[in-house]
Amino acid sequence: MKKKHIPVRTCIGCRETSAKRALIRIVRTPAGEVLVDPTGKKSGRGAYVCPSSECLKTGIVEKRLEQALKCQLGPGDVESLLCQLAQMLRKEQP
């Protein structure tokens, strides 16, 4: 029996590889919006981050997120991403 292929992605914060489903996708839509993509299916250029705000902050401070998404992030984009990630993490906790 053939084993199922599990896609692997790298976190932009800690640079550790993990299964795609274990990471959170951040996407730059064709309209230019930068959003957290909980489904992982929105169209646009994506980057992956561990489910922790520390990894996202590291990716933002070291400009890795901007490089991965090929766009400039404003202060409003950063605040929005941090809020979206915090809400998503609260929903996952029991």
C-alpha atoms as a PDB file:
ATOM      1  CA  MET A   1       0.000   0.000   0.000  1.00  0.00           C
ATOM      2  CA  LYS A   2       1.336   3.416  -0.973  1.00  0.00           C
ATOM      3  CA  LYS A   3       1.915   6.006   1.753  1.00  0.00           C
ATOM      4  CA  LYS A   4       0.066   9.284   1.359  1.00  0.00           C
ATOM      5  CA  HIS A   5       2.295  12.272   0.555  1.00  0.00           C
ATOM      6  CA  ILE A   6       2.239  14.920   3.289  1.00  0.00           C
ATOM      7  CA  PRO A   7       3.194  18.416   2.062  1.00  0.00           C
ATOM      8  CA  VAL A   8       5.884  20.135   4.132  1.00  0.00           C
ATOM      9  CA  ARG A   9       6.326  23.909   4.519  1.00  0.00           C
ATOM     10  CA  THR A  10       8.824  26.153   6.342  1.00  0.00           C
ATOM     11  CA  CYS A  11       7.819  28.672   9.006  1.00  0.00           C
ATOM     12  CA  ILE A  12       8.964  32.216   8.154  1.00  0.00           C
ATOM     13  CA  GLY A  13       9.695  32.923  11.832  1.00  0.00           C
ATOM     14  CA  CYS A  14      11.665  29.998  13.239  1.00  0.00           C
ATOM     15  CA  ARG A  15      12.609  28.434   9.875  1.00  0.00           C
ATOM     16  CA  GLU A  16      11.541  24.965  11.014  1.00  0.00           C
ATOM     17  CA  THR A  17       9.795  22.638   8.573  1.00  0.00           C
ATOM     18  CA  SER A  18       6.481  21.118   9.508  1.00  0.00           C
ATOM     19  CA  ALA A  19       3.426  19.549   7.901  1.00  0.00           C
ATOM     20  CA  LYS A  20       1.416  22.072   5.903  1.00  0.00           C
ATOM     21  CA  ARG A  21      -1.687  21.454   8.022  1.00  0.00           C
ATOM     22  CA  ALA A  22       0.202  22.256  11.254  1.00  0.00           C
ATOM     23  CA  LEU A  23       1.111  25.762  10.047  1.00  0.00           C
ATOM     24  CA  ILE A  24      -1.022  28.852   9.447  1.00  0.00           C
ATOM     25  CA  ARG A  25      -1.047  30.422   5.992  1.00  0.00           C
ATOM     26  CA  ILE A  26      -0.783  34.169   5.476  1.00  0.00           C
ATOM     27  CA  VAL A  27      -1.834  35.271   2.010  1.00  0.00           C
ATOM     28  CA  ARG A  28      -1.504  38.376  -0.153  1.00  0.00           C
ATOM     29  CA  THR A  29      -4.625  38.386  -2.287  1.00  0.00           C
ATOM     30  CA  PRO A  30      -4.641  39.557  -5.920  1.00  0.00           C
ATOM     31  CA  ALA A  31      -6.307  42.755  -4.622  1.00  0.00           C
ATOM     32  CA  GLY A  32      -3.268  43.418  -2.391  1.00  0.00           C
ATOM     33  CA  GLU A  33      -4.820  42.587   0.996  1.00  0.00           C
ATOM     34  CA  VAL A  34      -2.711  40.654   3.515  1.00  0.00           C
ATOM     35  CA  LEU A  35      -4.832  38.202   5.516  1.00  0.00           C
ATOM     36  CA  VAL A  36      -4.587  35.126   7.705  1.00  0.00           C
ATOM     37  CA  ASP A  37      -6.003  32.235   5.671  1.00  0.00           C
ATOM     38  CA  PRO A  38      -7.409  29.604   8.068  1.00  0.00           C
ATOM     39  CA  THR A  39      -8.558  27.317   5.229  1.00  0.00           C
ATOM     40  CA  GLY A  40      -5.304  27.526   3.261  1.00  0.00           C
ATOM     41  CA  LYS A  41      -7.248  27.780   0.000  1.00  0.00           C
ATOM     42  CA  LYS A  42      -7.519  31.502  -0.782  1.00  0.00           C
ATOM     43  CA  SER A  43      -5.960  32.584  -4.039  1.00  0.00           C
ATOM     44  CA  GLY A  44      -2.809  34.649  -3.857  1.00  0.00           C
ATOM     45  CA  ARG A  45       0.785  34.433  -2.740  1.00  0.00           C
ATOM     46  CA  GLY A  46       1.213  32.669   0.591  1.00  0.00           C
ATOM     47  CA  ALA A  47       3.650  32.292   3.455  1.00  0.00           C
ATOM     48  CA  TYR A  48       3.466  29.924   6.403  1.00  0.00           C
ATOM     49  CA  VAL A  49       3.967  30.550  10.116  1.00  0.00           C
ATOM     50  CA  CYS A  50       3.797  28.390  13.253  1.00  0.00           C
ATOM     51  CA  PRO A  51       0.674  28.861  15.368  1.00  0.00           C
ATOM     52  CA  SER A  52       2.436  31.303  17.715  1.00  0.00           C
ATOM     53  CA  SER A  53       2.600  35.064  17.713  1.00  0.00           C
ATOM     54  CA  GLU A  54       6.365  34.951  18.392  1.00  0.00           C
ATOM     55  CA  CYS A  55       7.088  33.363  15.014  1.00  0.00           C
ATOM     56  CA  LEU A  56       4.896  35.919  13.244  1.00  0.00           C
ATOM     57  CA  LYS A  57       6.598  38.805  15.054  1.00  0.00           C
ATOM     58  CA  THR A  58      10.039  37.423  14.144  1.00  0.00           C
ATOM     59  CA  GLY A  59       8.988  37.099  10.501  1.00  0.00           C
ATOM     60  CA  ILE A  60       7.747  40.696  10.481  1.00  0.00           C
ATOM     61  CA  VAL A  61      10.755  42.209  12.282  1.00  0.00           C
ATOM     62  CA  GLU A  62      13.291  40.429  10.073  1.00  0.00           C
ATOM     63  CA  LYS A  63      11.293  41.320   6.907  1.00  0.00           C
ATOM     64  CA  ARG A  64      10.861  37.636   5.982  1.00  0.00           C
ATOM     65  CA  LEU A  65       7.102  38.035   5.582  1.00  0.00           C
ATOM     66  CA  GLU A  66       7.546  40.943   3.170  1.00  0.00           C
ATOM     67  CA  GLN A  67      10.057  38.904   1.155  1.00  0.00           C
ATOM     68  CA  ALA A  68       7.802  35.855   1.016  1.00  0.00           C
ATOM     69  CA  LEU A  69       4.717  37.848  -0.002  1.00  0.00           C
ATOM     70  CA  LYS A  70       6.682  40.228  -2.255  1.00  0.00           C
ATOM     71  CA  CYS A  71       4.986  43.339  -0.872  1.00  0.00           C
ATOM     72  CA  GLN A  72       5.511  46.106   1.660  1.00  0.00           C
ATOM     73  CA  LEU A  73       3.584  45.841   4.947  1.00  0.00           C
ATOM     74  CA  GLY A  74       2.256  48.959   6.628  1.00  0.00           C
ATOM     75  CA  PRO A  75       1.694  49.336  10.369  1.00  0.00           C
ATOM     76  CA  GLY A  76      -2.023  48.695   9.835  1.00  0.00           C
ATOM     77  CA  ASP A  77      -1.304  45.407   8.054  1.00  0.00           C
ATOM     78  CA  VAL A  78       0.919  44.237  10.904  1.00  0.00           C
ATOM     79  CA  GLU A  79      -1.679  45.078  13.572  1.00  0.00           C
ATOM     80  CA  SER A  80      -4.405  43.386  11.548  1.00  0.00           C
ATOM     81  CA  LEU A  81      -2.344  40.201  11.129  1.00  0.00           C
ATOM     82  CA  LEU A  82      -1.512  40.032  14.829  1.00  0.00           C
ATOM     83  CA  CYS A  83      -5.196  40.493  15.762  1.00  0.00           C
ATOM     84  CA  GLN A  84      -6.360  37.870  13.252  1.00  0.00           C
ATOM     85  CA  LEU A  85      -3.767  35.379  14.489  1.00  0.00           C
ATOM     86  CA  ALA A  86      -4.683  36.020  18.142  1.00  0.00           C
ATOM     87  CA  GLN A  87      -8.382  35.435  17.386  1.00  0.00           C
ATOM     88  CA  MET A  88      -7.570  32.246  15.514  1.00  0.00           C
ATOM     89  CA  LEU A  89      -5.425  30.913  18.354  1.00  0.00           C
ATOM     90  CA  ARG A  90      -8.168  31.691  20.915  1.00  0.00           C
ATOM     91  CA  LYS A  91     -10.703  29.709  18.864  1.00  0.00           C
ATOM     92  CA  GLU A  92      -8.405  26.655  18.749  1.00  0.00           C
ATOM     93  CA  GLN A  93      -7.938  26.500  22.531  1.00  0.00           C
ATOM     94  CA  PRO A  94     -10.637  24.589  24.462  1.00  0.00           C
END
